[in-house]
């Protein structure tokens, strides 16, 4: 989960599959938060 948060903070860091994982992760964090 740490990688997803890092990518959410820095989308440029993971432009590949990381960005894809960060998208749903960000939505989940918004729902949880």
PDB file of N, CA and C in Angstrom:
ATOM      1  N   UNK A   1       0.842  -1.198   0.000  1.00  0.00           N
ATOM      2  CA  UNK A   1       0.000   0.000   0.000  1.00  0.00           C
ATOM      3  C   UNK A   1       0.878   1.250   0.000  1.00  0.00           C
ATOM      4  N   UNK A   2       2.078   1.119   0.550  1.00  0.00           N
ATOM      5  CA  UNK A   2       2.970   2.277   0.597  1.00  0.00           C
ATOM      6  C   UNK A   2       3.297   2.769  -0.811  1.00  0.00           C
ATOM      7  N   UNK A   3       3.536   1.831  -1.717  1.00  0.00           N
ATOM      8  CA  UNK A   3       3.876   2.219  -3.085  1.00  0.00           C
ATOM      9  C   UNK A   3       2.715   2.969  -3.733  1.00  0.00           C
ATOM     10  N   UNK A   4       1.496   2.515  -3.459  1.00  0.00           N
ATOM     11  CA  UNK A   4       0.347   3.190  -4.060  1.00  0.00           C
ATOM     12  C   UNK A   4       0.227   4.608  -3.538  1.00  0.00           C
ATOM     13  N   UNK A   5       0.463   4.789  -2.239  1.00  0.00           N
ATOM     14  CA  UNK A   5       0.383   6.125  -1.651  1.00  0.00           C
ATOM     15  C   UNK A   5       1.478   7.005  -2.248  1.00  0.00           C
ATOM     16  N   UNK A   6       2.680   6.449  -2.376  1.00  0.00           N
ATOM     17  CA  UNK A   6       3.793   7.215  -2.937  1.00  0.00           C
ATOM     18  C   UNK A   6       3.477   7.639  -4.362  1.00  0.00           C
ATOM     19  N   UNK A   7       2.895   6.726  -5.128  1.00  0.00           N
ATOM     20  CA  UNK A   7       2.557   7.048  -6.512  1.00  0.00           C
ATOM     21  C   UNK A   7       1.431   8.061  -6.563  1.00  0.00           C
ATOM     22  N   UNK A   8       0.537   7.983  -5.579  1.00  0.00           N
ATOM     23  CA  UNK A   8      -0.565   8.947  -5.537  1.00  0.00           C
ATOM     24  C   UNK A   8      -0.012  10.345  -5.275  1.00  0.00           C
ATOM     25  N   UNK A   9       1.006  10.419  -4.422  1.00  0.00           N
ATOM     26  CA  UNK A   9       1.628  11.704  -4.124  1.00  0.00           C
ATOM     27  C   UNK A   9       2.485  12.142  -5.307  1.00  0.00           C
ATOM     28  N   UNK A  10       3.186  11.190  -5.917  1.00  0.00           N
ATOM     29  CA  UNK A  10       4.046  11.498  -7.058  1.00  0.00           C
ATOM     30  C   UNK A  10       3.622  10.660  -8.257  1.00  0.00           C
ATOM     31  N   UNK A  11       2.601  11.098  -8.993  1.00  0.00           N
ATOM     32  CA  UNK A  11       2.143  10.339 -10.158  1.00  0.00           C
ATOM     33  C   UNK A  11       3.211  10.217 -11.232  1.00  0.00           C
ATOM     34  N   UNK A  12       4.139  11.171 -11.267  1.00  0.00           N
ATOM     35  CA  UNK A  12       5.199  11.132 -12.272  1.00  0.00           C
ATOM     36  C   UNK A  12       6.189  10.018 -11.951  1.00  0.00           C
ATOM     37  N   UNK A  13       6.269   9.624 -10.680  1.00  0.00           N
ATOM     38  CA  UNK A  13       7.211   8.575 -10.286  1.00  0.00           C
ATOM     39  C   UNK A  13       6.789   7.243 -10.891  1.00  0.00           C
ATOM     40  N   UNK A  14       5.484   6.976 -10.912  1.00  0.00           N
ATOM     41  CA  UNK A  14       4.998   5.725 -11.495  1.00  0.00           C
ATOM     42  C   UNK A  14       4.010   6.009 -12.594  1.00  0.00           C
ATOM     43  N   UNK A  15       4.523   6.221 -13.786  1.00  0.00           N
ATOM     44  CA  UNK A  15       3.640   6.571 -14.899  1.00  0.00           C
ATOM     45  C   UNK A  15       3.063   5.321 -15.556  1.00  0.00           C
ATOM     46  N   UNK A  16       3.670   4.160 -15.273  1.00  0.00           N
ATOM     47  CA  UNK A  16       3.211   2.912 -15.887  1.00  0.00           C
ATOM     48  C   UNK A  16       2.113   2.246 -15.088  1.00  0.00           C
ATOM     49  N   UNK A  17       2.348   1.000 -14.682  1.00  0.00           N
ATOM     50  CA  UNK A  17       1.331   0.257 -13.936  1.00  0.00           C
ATOM     51  C   UNK A  17       1.125   0.874 -12.563  1.00  0.00           C
ATOM     52  N   UNK A  18       2.109   1.597 -12.067  1.00  0.00           N
ATOM     53  CA  UNK A  18       1.972   2.247 -10.767  1.00  0.00           C
ATOM     54  C   UNK A  18       0.846   3.268 -10.784  1.00  0.00           C
ATOM     55  N   UNK A  19       0.779   4.052 -11.868  1.00  0.00           N
ATOM     56  CA  UNK A  19      -0.277   5.062 -11.973  1.00  0.00           C
ATOM     57  C   UNK A  19      -1.645   4.385 -12.015  1.00  0.00           C
ATOM     58  N   UNK A  20      -1.698   3.238 -12.678  1.00  0.00           N
ATOM     59  CA  UNK A  20      -2.971   2.517 -12.762  1.00  0.00           C
ATOM     60  C   UNK A  20      -3.397   2.058 -11.376  1.00  0.00           C
ATOM     61  N   UNK A  21      -2.444   1.628 -10.569  1.00  0.00           N
ATOM     62  CA  UNK A  21      -2.767   1.161  -9.215  1.00  0.00           C
ATOM     63  C   UNK A  21      -3.081   2.346  -8.313  1.00  0.00           C
ATOM     64  N   UNK A  22      -2.453   3.478  -8.591  1.00  0.00           N
ATOM     65  CA  UNK A  22      -2.673   4.658  -7.744  1.00  0.00           C
ATOM     66  C   UNK A  22      -4.068   5.235  -7.959  1.00  0.00           C
ATOM     67  N   UNK A  23      -4.601   5.092  -9.149  1.00  0.00           N
ATOM     68  CA  UNK A  23      -5.936   5.659  -9.425  1.00  0.00           C
ATOM     69  C   UNK A  23      -7.008   5.062  -8.517  1.00  0.00           C
ATOM     70  N   UNK A  24      -7.189   3.742  -8.509  1.00  0.00           N
ATOM     71  CA  UNK A  24      -8.189   3.138  -7.618  1.00  0.00           C
ATOM     72  C   UNK A  24      -7.820   3.316  -6.157  1.00  0.00           C
ATOM     73  N   UNK A  25      -6.520   3.345  -5.867  1.00  0.00           N
ATOM     74  CA  UNK A  25      -6.075   3.523  -4.481  1.00  0.00           C
ATOM     75  C   UNK A  25      -6.473   4.907  -3.989  1.00  0.00           C
ATOM     76  N   UNK A  26      -6.308   5.910  -4.839  1.00  0.00           N
ATOM     77  CA  UNK A  26      -6.687   7.271  -4.452  1.00  0.00           C
ATOM     78  C   UNK A  26      -8.188   7.353  -4.217  1.00  0.00           C
ATOM     79  N   UNK A  27      -8.958   6.687  -5.055  1.00  0.00           N
ATOM     80  CA  UNK A  27     -10.413   6.688  -4.890  1.00  0.00           C
ATOM     81  C   UNK A  27     -10.790   6.002  -3.582  1.00  0.00           C
ATOM     82  N   UNK A  28     -10.096   4.918  -3.260  1.00  0.00           N
ATOM     83  CA  UNK A  28     -10.375   4.191  -2.018  1.00  0.00           C
ATOM     84  C   UNK A  28     -10.006   5.053  -0.817  1.00  0.00           C
ATOM     85  N   UNK A  29      -8.900   5.773  -0.929  1.00  0.00           N
ATOM     86  CA  UNK A  29      -8.471   6.635   0.178  1.00  0.00           C
ATOM     87  C   UNK A  29      -9.473   7.763   0.373  1.00  0.00           C
ATOM     88  N   UNK A  30     -10.003   8.290  -0.719  1.00  0.00           N
ATOM     89  CA  UNK A  30     -11.001   9.370  -0.614  1.00  0.00           C
ATOM     90  C   UNK A  30     -12.279   8.841   0.036  1.00  0.00           C
ATOM     91  N   UNK A  31     -12.639   7.613  -0.307  1.00  0.00           N
ATOM     92  CA  UNK A  31     -13.840   7.014   0.285  1.00  0.00           C
ATOM     93  C   UNK A  31     -13.615   6.756   1.772  1.00  0.00           C
ATOM     94  N   UNK A  32     -12.434   6.251   2.105  1.00  0.00           N
ATOM     95  CA  UNK A  32     -12.133   5.924   3.505  1.00  0.00           C
ATOM     96  C   UNK A  32     -11.953   7.203   4.319  1.00  0.00           C
ATOM     97  N   UNK A  33     -11.289   8.195   3.705  1.00  0.00           N
ATOM     98  CA  UNK A  33     -11.005   9.431   4.418  1.00  0.00           C
ATOM     99  C   UNK A  33     -12.191  10.347   4.451  1.00  0.00           C
TER     100      UNK A  33
END
